[in-house]
Amino acid sequence: MASYKLYYFPSKGLAEPIRLLFAYKGIQYEDIRFLEINGLKPKPNMPFGLCQFLRKMVKKLGGSVVILRYLAEKPEFNVAELFKTVFEKDEEKKKELEKKFAEEVIPNTLAN
């Protein structure tokens, strides 16, 4: 059983970048698409009243950018390397991170 559940309307919309990230990283998730015409009115039960949200266990996150940011920090996604490089305050550590990013992360990403 997938530990992630992505809820959205039956269209690409704002949830598509999240689906693409799951597909790119090969992470299993449950893609739950709902229709308001079936009598389901999801917005009152959703975080911040947004239609797209991600559920992992009991945690609910609302909004595509929030979800992508949350996933970027997870080790199984390994997308946060750029953020670490950009926001590092220690100049020596920043140079090390930039070197690692240029020599390891970018070539590995482009190889995929």
PDB file of N, CA and C in Angstrom:
ATOM      1  N   MET A   1       0.848  -1.197   0.000  1.00  0.00           N
ATOM      2  CA  MET A   1       0.000   0.000   0.000  1.00  0.00           C
ATOM      3  C   MET A   1       0.884   1.247   0.000  1.00  0.00           C
ATOM      4  N   ALA A   2       0.541   2.207  -0.825  1.00  0.00           N
ATOM      5  CA  ALA A   2       1.305   3.448  -0.930  1.00  0.00           C
ATOM      6  C   ALA A   2       1.125   4.286   0.332  1.00  0.00           C
ATOM      7  N   SER A   3       2.218   4.893   0.783  1.00  0.00           N
ATOM      8  CA  SER A   3       2.108   5.716   1.989  1.00  0.00           C
ATOM      9  C   SER A   3       1.663   7.141   1.669  1.00  0.00           C
ATOM     10  N   TYR A   4       1.762   7.552   0.398  1.00  0.00           N
ATOM     11  CA  TYR A   4       1.304   8.880  -0.013  1.00  0.00           C
ATOM     12  C   TYR A   4      -0.025   8.755  -0.741  1.00  0.00           C
ATOM     13  N   LYS A   5      -0.918   9.699  -0.476  1.00  0.00           N
ATOM     14  CA  LYS A   5      -2.190   9.783  -1.186  1.00  0.00           C
ATOM     15  C   LYS A   5      -2.341  11.217  -1.673  1.00  0.00           C
ATOM     16  N   LEU A   6      -2.508  11.365  -2.984  1.00  0.00           N
ATOM     17  CA  LEU A   6      -2.664  12.680  -3.587  1.00  0.00           C
ATOM     18  C   LEU A   6      -4.111  12.849  -4.023  1.00  0.00           C
ATOM     19  N   TYR A   7      -4.771  13.892  -3.538  1.00  0.00           N
ATOM     20  CA  TYR A   7      -6.176  14.152  -3.844  1.00  0.00           C
ATOM     21  C   TYR A   7      -6.273  15.351  -4.780  1.00  0.00           C
ATOM     22  N   TYR A   8      -7.040  15.190  -5.861  1.00  0.00           N
ATOM     23  CA  TYR A   8      -7.263  16.303  -6.781  1.00  0.00           C
ATOM     24  C   TYR A   8      -8.416  15.965  -7.715  1.00  0.00           C
ATOM     25  N   PHE A   9      -8.863  16.952  -8.468  1.00  0.00           N
ATOM     26  CA  PHE A   9      -9.898  16.735  -9.473  1.00  0.00           C
ATOM     27  C   PHE A   9      -9.342  15.853 -10.595  1.00  0.00           C
ATOM     28  N   PRO A  10     -10.197  15.267 -11.422  1.00  0.00           N
ATOM     29  CA  PRO A  10      -9.706  14.390 -12.498  1.00  0.00           C
ATOM     30  C   PRO A  10      -9.137  15.178 -13.681  1.00  0.00           C
ATOM     31  N   SER A  11      -8.129  15.965 -13.408  1.00  0.00           N
ATOM     32  CA  SER A  11      -7.449  16.734 -14.444  1.00  0.00           C
ATOM     33  C   SER A  11      -6.003  16.924 -14.020  1.00  0.00           C
ATOM     34  N   LYS A  12      -5.191  17.477 -14.908  1.00  0.00           N
ATOM     35  CA  LYS A  12      -3.790  17.699 -14.569  1.00  0.00           C
ATOM     36  C   LYS A  12      -3.681  18.819 -13.539  1.00  0.00           C
ATOM     37  N   GLY A  13      -3.994  20.019 -13.940  1.00  0.00           N
ATOM     38  CA  GLY A  13      -4.028  21.165 -13.036  1.00  0.00           C
ATOM     39  C   GLY A  13      -2.797  21.321 -12.155  1.00  0.00           C
ATOM     40  N   LEU A  14      -3.029  21.814 -10.955  1.00  0.00           N
ATOM     41  CA  LEU A  14      -1.946  22.116 -10.025  1.00  0.00           C
ATOM     42  C   LEU A  14      -1.309  20.879  -9.409  1.00  0.00           C
ATOM     43  N   ALA A  15      -1.962  19.745  -9.516  1.00  0.00           N
ATOM     44  CA  ALA A  15      -1.406  18.519  -8.943  1.00  0.00           C
ATOM     45  C   ALA A  15      -0.434  17.823  -9.892  1.00  0.00           C
ATOM     46  N   GLU A  16      -0.398  18.226 -11.153  1.00  0.00           N
ATOM     47  CA  GLU A  16       0.444  17.525 -12.127  1.00  0.00           C
ATOM     48  C   GLU A  16       1.932  17.580 -11.806  1.00  0.00           C
ATOM     49  N   PRO A  17       2.502  18.715 -11.360  1.00  0.00           N
ATOM     50  CA  PRO A  17       3.924  18.695 -10.994  1.00  0.00           C
ATOM     51  C   PRO A  17       4.225  17.693  -9.873  1.00  0.00           C
ATOM     52  N   ILE A  18       3.267  17.517  -8.976  1.00  0.00           N
ATOM     53  CA  ILE A  18       3.450  16.551  -7.884  1.00  0.00           C
ATOM     54  C   ILE A  18       3.452  15.134  -8.453  1.00  0.00           C
ATOM     55  N   ARG A  19       2.523  14.847  -9.353  1.00  0.00           N
ATOM     56  CA  ARG A  19       2.484  13.531 -10.001  1.00  0.00           C
ATOM     57  C   ARG A  19       3.777  13.271 -10.774  1.00  0.00           C
ATOM     58  N   LEU A  20       4.273  14.298 -11.467  1.00  0.00           N
ATOM     59  CA  LEU A  20       5.513  14.151 -12.223  1.00  0.00           C
ATOM     60  C   LEU A  20       6.696  13.858 -11.304  1.00  0.00           C
ATOM     61  N   LEU A  21       6.736  14.501 -10.154  1.00  0.00           N
ATOM     62  CA  LEU A  21       7.803  14.248  -9.197  1.00  0.00           C
ATOM     63  C   LEU A  21       7.742  12.812  -8.692  1.00  0.00           C
ATOM     64  N   PHE A  22       6.544  12.341  -8.359  1.00  0.00           N
ATOM     65  CA  PHE A  22       6.392  10.948  -7.933  1.00  0.00           C
ATOM     66  C   PHE A  22       6.857   9.996  -9.034  1.00  0.00           C
ATOM     67  N   ALA A  23       6.457  10.256 -10.271  1.00  0.00           N
ATOM     68  CA  ALA A  23       6.816   9.388 -11.392  1.00  0.00           C
ATOM     69  C   ALA A  23       8.326   9.409 -11.633  1.00  0.00           C
ATOM     70  N   TYR A  24       8.909  10.585 -11.607  1.00  0.00           N
ATOM     71  CA  TYR A  24      10.341  10.733 -11.863  1.00  0.00           C
ATOM     72  C   TYR A  24      11.172   9.958 -10.837  1.00  0.00           C
ATOM     73  N   LYS A  25      10.763  10.031  -9.579  1.00  0.00           N
ATOM     74  CA  LYS A  25      11.510   9.366  -8.527  1.00  0.00           C
ATOM     75  C   LYS A  25      11.076   7.915  -8.308  1.00  0.00           C
ATOM     76  N   GLY A  26      10.040   7.465  -9.021  1.00  0.00           N
ATOM     77  CA  GLY A  26       9.586   6.080  -8.885  1.00  0.00           C
ATOM     78  C   GLY A  26       8.947   5.783  -7.546  1.00  0.00           C
ATOM     79  N   ILE A  27       8.358   6.780  -6.928  1.00  0.00           N
ATOM     80  CA  ILE A  27       7.711   6.620  -5.627  1.00  0.00           C
ATOM     81  C   ILE A  27       6.255   6.213  -5.846  1.00  0.00           C
ATOM     82  N   GLN A  28       5.822   5.159  -5.168  1.00  0.00           N
ATOM     83  CA  GLN A  28       4.440   4.710  -5.254  1.00  0.00           C
ATOM     84  C   GLN A  28       3.537   5.661  -4.468  1.00  0.00           C
ATOM     85  N   TYR A  29       2.390   5.997  -5.047  1.00  0.00           N
ATOM     86  CA  TYR A  29       1.416   6.836  -4.365  1.00  0.00           C
ATOM     87  C   TYR A  29       0.039   6.484  -4.892  1.00  0.00           C
ATOM     88  N   GLU A  30      -0.957   6.878  -4.137  1.00  0.00           N
ATOM     89  CA  GLU A  30      -2.332   6.645  -4.561  1.00  0.00           C
ATOM     90  C   GLU A  30      -2.874   7.957  -5.122  1.00  0.00           C
ATOM     91  N   ASP A  31      -3.296   7.930  -6.376  1.00  0.00           N
ATOM     92  CA  ASP A  31      -3.805   9.120  -7.060  1.00  0.00           C
ATOM     93  C   ASP A  31      -5.329   9.109  -6.959  1.00  0.00           C
ATOM     94  N   ILE A  32      -5.857   9.880  -6.029  1.00  0.00           N
ATOM     95  CA  ILE A  32      -7.297   9.898  -5.781  1.00  0.00           C
ATOM     96  C   ILE A  32      -7.886  11.131  -6.447  1.00  0.00           C
ATOM     97  N   ARG A  33      -8.740  10.893  -7.419  1.00  0.00           N
ATOM     98  CA  ARG A  33      -9.365  11.995  -8.160  1.00  0.00           C
ATOM     99  C   ARG A  33     -10.857  11.984  -7.852  1.00  0.00           C
ATOM    100  N   PHE A  34     -11.375  13.132  -7.481  1.00  0.00           N
ATOM    101  CA  PHE A  34     -12.770  13.200  -7.076  1.00  0.00           C
ATOM    102  C   PHE A  34     -13.557  14.150  -7.957  1.00  0.00           C
ATOM    103  N   LEU A  35     -14.853  13.933  -7.971  1.00  0.00           N
ATOM    104  CA  LEU A  35     -15.760  14.768  -8.753  1.00  0.00           C
ATOM    105  C   LEU A  35     -16.754  15.431  -7.820  1.00  0.00           C
ATOM    106  N   GLU A  36     -16.909  16.733  -7.960  1.00  0.00           N
ATOM    107  CA  GLU A  36     -17.890  17.432  -7.152  1.00  0.00           C
ATOM    108  C   GLU A  36     -19.308  17.066  -7.592  1.00  0.00           C
ATOM    109  N   ILE A  37     -19.461  16.654  -8.845  1.00  0.00           N
ATOM    110  CA  ILE A  37     -20.791  16.316  -9.333  1.00  0.00           C
ATOM    111  C   ILE A  37     -21.331  15.034  -8.708  1.00  0.00           C
ATOM    112  N   ASN A  38     -20.465  14.236  -8.092  1.00  0.00           N
ATOM    113  CA  ASN A  38     -20.917  13.025  -7.413  1.00  0.00           C
ATOM    114  C   ASN A  38     -21.426  13.317  -6.005  1.00  0.00           C
ATOM    115  N   GLY A  39     -21.553  14.559  -5.660  1.00  0.00           N
ATOM    116  CA  GLY A  39     -22.039  14.930  -4.345  1.00  0.00           C
ATOM    117  C   GLY A  39     -20.933  15.112  -3.324  1.00  0.00           C
ATOM    118  N   LEU A  40     -19.707  14.826  -3.702  1.00  0.00           N
ATOM    119  CA  LEU A  40     -18.583  15.005  -2.803  1.00  0.00           C
ATOM    120  C   LEU A  40     -18.177  16.470  -2.815  1.00  0.00           C
ATOM    121  N   LYS A  41     -18.219  17.093  -1.681  1.00  0.00           N
ATOM    122  CA  LYS A  41     -17.803  18.487  -1.569  1.00  0.00           C
ATOM    123  C   LYS A  41     -16.553  18.507  -0.693  1.00  0.00           C
ATOM    124  N   PRO A  42     -15.394  18.363  -1.300  1.00  0.00           N
ATOM    125  CA  PRO A  42     -14.173  18.168  -0.531  1.00  0.00           C
ATOM    126  C   PRO A  42     -13.602  19.393   0.172  1.00  0.00           C
ATOM    127  N   LYS A  43     -13.855  20.575  -0.324  1.00  0.00           N
ATOM    128  CA  LYS A  43     -13.155  21.754   0.201  1.00  0.00           C
ATOM    129  C   LYS A  43     -13.270  21.974   1.711  1.00  0.00           C
ATOM    130  N   PRO A  44     -14.415  21.811   2.353  1.00  0.00           N
ATOM    131  CA  PRO A  44     -14.441  22.060   3.798  1.00  0.00           C
ATOM    132  C   PRO A  44     -13.534  21.132   4.607  1.00  0.00           C
ATOM    133  N   ASN A  45     -13.241  19.952   4.100  1.00  0.00           N
ATOM    134  CA  ASN A  45     -12.410  18.997   4.831  1.00  0.00           C
ATOM    135  C   ASN A  45     -10.933  19.089   4.475  1.00  0.00           C
ATOM    136  N   MET A  46     -10.584  19.964   3.567  1.00  0.00           N
ATOM    137  CA  MET A  46      -9.221  20.023   3.072  1.00  0.00           C
ATOM    138  C   MET A  46      -8.424  21.126   3.756  1.00  0.00           C
ATOM    139  N   PRO A  47      -7.101  20.913   3.843  1.00  0.00           N
ATOM    140  CA  PRO A  47      -6.257  21.946   4.448  1.00  0.00           C
ATOM    141  C   PRO A  47      -6.352  23.256   3.673  1.00  0.00           C
ATOM    142  N   PHE A  48      -6.614  24.316   4.366  1.00  0.00           N
ATOM    143  CA  PHE A  48      -6.742  25.665   3.806  1.00  0.00           C
ATOM    144  C   PHE A  48      -7.837  25.780   2.754  1.00  0.00           C
ATOM    145  N   GLY A  49      -8.733  24.801   2.666  1.00  0.00           N
ATOM    146  CA  GLY A  49      -9.813  24.839   1.693  1.00  0.00           C
ATOM    147  C   GLY A  49      -9.362  24.648   0.257  1.00  0.00           C
ATOM    148  N   LEU A  50      -8.149  24.142   0.060  1.00  0.00           N
ATOM    149  CA  LEU A  50      -7.615  23.942  -1.289  1.00  0.00           C
ATOM    150  C   LEU A  50      -8.016  22.578  -1.828  1.00  0.00           C
ATOM    151  N   CYS A  51      -8.171  22.486  -3.148  1.00  0.00           N
ATOM    152  CA  CYS A  51      -8.603  21.206  -3.711  1.00  0.00           C
ATOM    153  C   CYS A  51      -7.501  20.185  -3.828  1.00  0.00           C
ATOM    154  N   GLN A  52      -6.259  20.595  -3.991  1.00  0.00           N
ATOM    155  CA  GLN A  52      -5.214  19.583  -4.057  1.00  0.00           C
ATOM    156  C   GLN A  52      -4.589  19.453  -2.675  1.00  0.00           C
ATOM    157  N   PHE A  53      -4.451  18.219  -2.236  1.00  0.00           N
ATOM    158  CA  PHE A  53      -3.722  18.009  -1.000  1.00  0.00           C
ATOM    159  C   PHE A  53      -3.101  16.632  -0.993  1.00  0.00           C
ATOM    160  N   LEU A  54      -2.071  16.503  -0.174  1.00  0.00           N
ATOM    161  CA  LEU A  54      -1.321  15.268  -0.051  1.00  0.00           C
ATOM    162  C   LEU A  54      -1.508  14.752   1.359  1.00  0.00           C
ATOM    163  N   ARG A  55      -1.694  13.458   1.453  1.00  0.00           N
ATOM    164  CA  ARG A  55      -1.864  12.856   2.773  1.00  0.00           C
ATOM    165  C   ARG A  55      -0.813  11.769   2.940  1.00  0.00           C
ATOM    166  N   LYS A  56      -0.102  11.837   4.030  1.00  0.00           N
ATOM    167  CA  LYS A  56       0.825  10.768   4.397  1.00  0.00           C
ATOM    168  C   LYS A  56       0.523  10.426   5.840  1.00  0.00           C
ATOM    169  N   MET A  57       0.062   9.216   6.024  1.00  0.00           N
ATOM    170  CA  MET A  57      -0.389   8.749   7.340  1.00  0.00           C
ATOM    171  C   MET A  57      -1.475   9.716   7.830  1.00  0.00           C
ATOM    172  N   VAL A  58      -1.257  10.412   8.940  1.00  0.00           N
ATOM    173  CA  VAL A  58      -2.288  11.315   9.457  1.00  0.00           C
ATOM    174  C   VAL A  58      -2.027  12.769   9.085  1.00  0.00           C
ATOM    175  N   LYS A  59      -0.897  13.050   8.455  1.00  0.00           N
ATOM    176  CA  LYS A  59      -0.553  14.426   8.089  1.00  0.00           C
ATOM    177  C   LYS A  59      -1.220  14.798   6.775  1.00  0.00           C
ATOM    178  N   LYS A  60      -1.825  15.994   6.722  1.00  0.00           N
ATOM    179  CA  LYS A  60      -2.421  16.521   5.499  1.00  0.00           C
ATOM    180  C   LYS A  60      -1.737  17.831   5.150  1.00  0.00           C
ATOM    181  N   LEU A  61      -1.380  17.975   3.875  1.00  0.00           N
ATOM    182  CA  LEU A  61      -0.778  19.219   3.391  1.00  0.00           C
ATOM    183  C   LEU A  61      -1.603  19.744   2.243  1.00  0.00           C
ATOM    184  N   GLY A  62      -1.854  21.035   2.223  1.00  0.00           N
ATOM    185  CA  GLY A  62      -2.644  21.639   1.160  1.00  0.00           C
ATOM    186  C   GLY A  62      -1.839  22.595   0.316  1.00  0.00           C
ATOM    187  N   GLY A  63      -2.097  22.611  -0.988  1.00  0.00           N
ATOM    188  CA  GLY A  63      -1.435  23.534  -1.904  1.00  0.00           C
ATOM    189  C   GLY A  63      -0.271  22.883  -2.608  1.00  0.00           C
ATOM    190  N   SER A  64      -0.206  23.052  -3.915  1.00  0.00           N
ATOM    191  CA  SER A  64       0.815  22.363  -4.702  1.00  0.00           C
ATOM    192  C   SER A  64       2.232  22.782  -4.329  1.00  0.00           C
ATOM    193  N   VAL A  65       2.466  24.054  -4.084  1.00  0.00           N
ATOM    194  CA  VAL A  65       3.810  24.513  -3.739  1.00  0.00           C
ATOM    195  C   VAL A  65       4.217  23.974  -2.367  1.00  0.00           C
ATOM    196  N   VAL A  66       3.308  23.978  -1.428  1.00  0.00           N
ATOM    197  CA  VAL A  66       3.581  23.442  -0.092  1.00  0.00           C
ATOM    198  C   VAL A  66       3.914  21.961  -0.191  1.00  0.00           C
ATOM    199  N   ILE A  67       3.157  21.224  -0.988  1.00  0.00           N
ATOM    200  CA  ILE A  67       3.384  19.792  -1.147  1.00  0.00           C
ATOM    201  C   ILE A  67       4.745  19.533  -1.794  1.00  0.00           C
ATOM    202  N   LEU A  68       5.057  20.265  -2.858  1.00  0.00           N
ATOM    203  CA  LEU A  68       6.352  20.086  -3.522  1.00  0.00           C
ATOM    204  C   LEU A  68       7.506  20.421  -2.584  1.00  0.00           C
ATOM    205  N   ARG A  69       7.341  21.462  -1.808  1.00  0.00           N
ATOM    206  CA  ARG A  69       8.387  21.858  -0.853  1.00  0.00           C
ATOM    207  C   ARG A  69       8.585  20.776   0.208  1.00  0.00           C
ATOM    208  N   TYR A  70       7.472  20.228   0.706  1.00  0.00           N
ATOM    209  CA  TYR A  70       7.527  19.146   1.699  1.00  0.00           C
ATOM    210  C   TYR A  70       8.250  17.929   1.119  1.00  0.00           C
ATOM    211  N   LEU A  71       7.894  17.546  -0.106  1.00  0.00           N
ATOM    212  CA  LEU A  71       8.500  16.381  -0.733  1.00  0.00           C
ATOM    213  C   LEU A  71       9.982  16.615  -1.035  1.00  0.00           C
ATOM    214  N   ALA A  72      10.337  17.844  -1.368  1.00  0.00           N
ATOM    215  CA  ALA A  72      11.734  18.155  -1.686  1.00  0.00           C
ATOM    216  C   ALA A  72      12.645  17.921  -0.491  1.00  0.00           C
ATOM    217  N   GLU A  73      12.115  18.032   0.709  1.00  0.00           N
ATOM    218  CA  GLU A  73      12.918  17.843   1.911  1.00  0.00           C
ATOM    219  C   GLU A  73      13.029  16.382   2.321  1.00  0.00           C
ATOM    220  N   LYS A  74      12.265  15.513   1.696  1.00  0.00           N
ATOM    221  CA  LYS A  74      12.285  14.092   2.032  1.00  0.00           C
ATOM    222  C   LYS A  74      13.482  13.416   1.375  1.00  0.00           C
ATOM    223  N   PRO A  75      14.174  12.540   2.098  1.00  0.00           N
ATOM    224  CA  PRO A  75      15.365  11.901   1.523  1.00  0.00           C
ATOM    225  C   PRO A  75      15.073  11.059   0.295  1.00  0.00           C
ATOM    226  N   GLU A  76      13.891  10.453   0.208  1.00  0.00           N
ATOM    227  CA  GLU A  76      13.602   9.616  -0.955  1.00  0.00           C
ATOM    228  C   GLU A  76      13.440  10.427  -2.238  1.00  0.00           C
ATOM    229  N   PHE A  77      13.245  11.741  -2.121  1.00  0.00           N
ATOM    230  CA  PHE A  77      13.105  12.582  -3.306  1.00  0.00           C
ATOM    231  C   PHE A  77      14.406  13.283  -3.666  1.00  0.00           C
ATOM    232  N   ASN A  78      15.239  13.615  -2.681  1.00  0.00           N
ATOM    233  CA  ASN A  78      16.553  14.203  -2.907  1.00  0.00           C
ATOM    234  C   ASN A  78      16.518  15.375  -3.889  1.00  0.00           C
ATOM    235  N   VAL A  79      15.562  16.291  -3.713  1.00  0.00           N
ATOM    236  CA  VAL A  79      15.437  17.455  -4.593  1.00  0.00           C
ATOM    237  C   VAL A  79      15.964  18.714  -3.910  1.00  0.00           C
ATOM    238  N   ALA A  80      16.288  18.612  -2.639  1.00  0.00           N
ATOM    239  CA  ALA A  80      16.619  19.795  -1.856  1.00  0.00           C
ATOM    240  C   ALA A  80      18.068  20.244  -1.985  1.00  0.00           C
ATOM    241  N   GLU A  81      18.877  19.559  -2.782  1.00  0.00           N
ATOM    242  CA  GLU A  81      20.295  19.923  -2.905  1.00  0.00           C
ATOM    243  C   GLU A  81      20.486  21.361  -3.380  1.00  0.00           C
ATOM    244  N   LEU A  82      19.672  21.804  -4.318  1.00  0.00           N
ATOM    245  CA  LEU A  82      19.788  23.177  -4.812  1.00  0.00           C
ATOM    246  C   LEU A  82      19.444  24.169  -3.707  1.00  0.00           C
ATOM    247  N   PHE A  83      18.401  23.881  -2.929  1.00  0.00           N
ATOM    248  CA  PHE A  83      18.011  24.780  -1.840  1.00  0.00           C
ATOM    249  C   PHE A  83      19.127  24.888  -0.804  1.00  0.00           C
ATOM    250  N   LYS A  84      19.768  23.775  -0.506  1.00  0.00           N
ATOM    251  CA  LYS A  84      20.867  23.796   0.458  1.00  0.00           C
ATOM    252  C   LYS A  84      21.981  24.713  -0.043  1.00  0.00           C
ATOM    253  N   THR A  85      22.284  24.629  -1.317  1.00  0.00           N
ATOM    254  CA  THR A  85      23.359  25.429  -1.899  1.00  0.00           C
ATOM    255  C   THR A  85      23.021  26.913  -1.890  1.00  0.00           C
ATOM    256  N   VAL A  86      21.822  27.240  -2.288  1.00  0.00           N
ATOM    257  CA  VAL A  86      21.426  28.646  -2.418  1.00  0.00           C
ATOM    258  C   VAL A  86      21.343  29.343  -1.065  1.00  0.00           C
ATOM    259  N   PHE A  87      20.827  28.661  -0.045  1.00  0.00           N
ATOM    260  CA  PHE A  87      20.546  29.326   1.219  1.00  0.00           C
ATOM    261  C   PHE A  87      21.622  29.132   2.289  1.00  0.00           C
ATOM    262  N   GLU A  88      22.708  28.481   1.953  1.00  0.00           N
ATOM    263  CA  GLU A  88      23.792  28.296   2.928  1.00  0.00           C
ATOM    264  C   GLU A  88      24.474  29.628   3.220  1.00  0.00           C
ATOM    265  N   LYS A  89      24.662  29.932   4.500  1.00  0.00           N
ATOM    266  CA  LYS A  89      25.252  31.216   4.896  1.00  0.00           C
ATOM    267  C   LYS A  89      26.770  31.132   5.051  1.00  0.00           C
ATOM    268  N   ASP A  90      27.283  29.995   5.475  1.00  0.00           N
ATOM    269  CA  ASP A  90      28.723  29.802   5.633  1.00  0.00           C
ATOM    270  C   ASP A  90      29.355  29.681   4.240  1.00  0.00           C
ATOM    271  N   GLU A  91      30.234  30.617   3.902  1.00  0.00           N
ATOM    272  CA  GLU A  91      30.795  30.690   2.553  1.00  0.00           C
ATOM    273  C   GLU A  91      31.619  29.456   2.179  1.00  0.00           C
ATOM    274  N   GLU A  92      32.390  28.914   3.122  1.00  0.00           N
ATOM    275  CA  GLU A  92      33.186  27.721   2.805  1.00  0.00           C
ATOM    276  C   GLU A  92      32.295  26.517   2.546  1.00  0.00           C
ATOM    277  N   LYS A  93      31.306  26.342   3.391  1.00  0.00           N
ATOM    278  CA  LYS A  93      30.377  25.227   3.201  1.00  0.00           C
ATOM    279  C   LYS A  93      29.579  25.417   1.899  1.00  0.00           C
ATOM    280  N   LYS A  94      29.242  26.675   1.603  1.00  0.00           N
ATOM    281  CA  LYS A  94      28.506  26.968   0.366  1.00  0.00           C
ATOM    282  C   LYS A  94      29.334  26.557  -0.853  1.00  0.00           C
ATOM    283  N   LYS A  95      30.644  26.847  -0.838  1.00  0.00           N
ATOM    284  CA  LYS A  95      31.509  26.458  -1.950  1.00  0.00           C
ATOM    285  C   LYS A  95      31.572  24.939  -2.102  1.00  0.00           C
ATOM    286  N   GLU A  96      31.637  24.222  -0.972  1.00  0.00           N
ATOM    287  CA  GLU A  96      31.637  22.760  -1.013  1.00  0.00           C
ATOM    288  C   GLU A  96      30.330  22.231  -1.605  1.00  0.00           C
ATOM    289  N   LEU A  97      29.219  22.813  -1.172  1.00  0.00           N
ATOM    290  CA  LEU A  97      27.913  22.385  -1.678  1.00  0.00           C
ATOM    291  C   LEU A  97      27.768  22.691  -3.167  1.00  0.00           C
ATOM    292  N   GLU A  98      28.264  23.849  -3.593  1.00  0.00           N
ATOM    293  CA  GLU A  98      28.207  24.202  -5.014  1.00  0.00           C
ATOM    294  C   GLU A  98      29.036  23.226  -5.852  1.00  0.00           C
ATOM    295  N   LYS A  99      30.212  22.862  -5.335  1.00  0.00           N
ATOM    296  CA  LYS A  99      31.066  21.908  -6.046  1.00  0.00           C
ATOM    297  C   LYS A  99      30.364  20.556  -6.149  1.00  0.00           C
ATOM    298  N   LYS A 100      29.804  20.080  -5.035  1.00  0.00           N
ATOM    299  CA  LYS A 100      29.090  18.802  -5.033  1.00  0.00           C
ATOM    300  C   LYS A 100      27.902  18.861  -6.000  1.00  0.00           C
ATOM    301  N   PHE A 101      27.194  19.980  -5.986  1.00  0.00           N
ATOM    302  CA  PHE A 101      26.035  20.144  -6.862  1.00  0.00           C
ATOM    303  C   PHE A 101      26.461  20.070  -8.329  1.00  0.00           C
ATOM    304  N   ALA A 102      27.547  20.764  -8.668  1.00  0.00           N
ATOM    305  CA  ALA A 102      28.011  20.814 -10.059  1.00  0.00           C
ATOM    306  C   ALA A 102      28.608  19.487 -10.522  1.00  0.00           C
ATOM    307  N   GLU A 103      29.318  18.808  -9.633  1.00  0.00           N
ATOM    308  CA  GLU A 103      30.030  17.598 -10.030  1.00  0.00           C
ATOM    309  C   GLU A 103      29.226  16.310  -9.859  1.00  0.00           C
ATOM    310  N   GLU A 104      28.249  16.310  -8.942  1.00  0.00           N
ATOM    311  CA  GLU A 104      27.510  15.075  -8.673  1.00  0.00           C
ATOM    312  C   GLU A 104      26.022  15.172  -8.998  1.00  0.00           C
ATOM    313  N   VAL A 105      25.365  16.169  -8.435  1.00  0.00           N
ATOM    314  CA  VAL A 105      23.902  16.254  -8.537  1.00  0.00           C
ATOM    315  C   VAL A 105      23.460  16.517  -9.975  1.00  0.00           C
ATOM    316  N   ILE A 106      24.036  17.532 -10.619  1.00  0.00           N
ATOM    317  CA  ILE A 106      23.619  17.867 -11.992  1.00  0.00           C
ATOM    318  C   ILE A 106      23.888  16.718 -12.959  1.00  0.00           C
ATOM    319  N   PRO A 107      25.107  16.118 -12.976  1.00  0.00           N
ATOM    320  CA  PRO A 107      25.318  15.002 -13.906  1.00  0.00           C
ATOM    321  C   PRO A 107      24.367  13.821 -13.642  1.00  0.00           C
ATOM    322  N   ASN A 108      24.122  13.500 -12.371  1.00  0.00           N
ATOM    323  CA  ASN A 108      23.200  12.400 -12.052  1.00  0.00           C
ATOM    324  C   ASN A 108      21.785  12.716 -12.502  1.00  0.00           C
ATOM    325  N   THR A 109      21.368  13.959 -12.329  1.00  0.00           N
ATOM    326  CA  THR A 109      20.027  14.363 -12.725  1.00  0.00           C
ATOM    327  C   THR A 109      19.880  14.335 -14.238  1.00  0.00           C
ATOM    328  N   LEU A 110      20.865  14.867 -14.941  1.00  0.00           N
ATOM    329  CA  LEU A 110      20.813  14.886 -16.396  1.00  0.00           C
ATOM    330  C   LEU A 110      20.900  13.479 -16.980  1.00  0.00           C
ATOM    331  N   ALA A 111      21.580  12.582 -16.297  1.00  0.00           N
ATOM    332  CA  ALA A 111      21.659  11.191 -16.772  1.00  0.00           C
ATOM    333  C   ALA A 111      20.302  10.519 -16.745  1.00  0.00           C
ATOM    334  N   ASN A 112      19.460  10.928 -15.804  1.00  0.00           N
ATOM    335  CA  ASN A 112      18.099  10.357 -15.727  1.00  0.00           C
ATOM    336  C   ASN A 112      17.228  10.882 -16.834  1.00  0.00           C
TER     337      ASN A 112
END
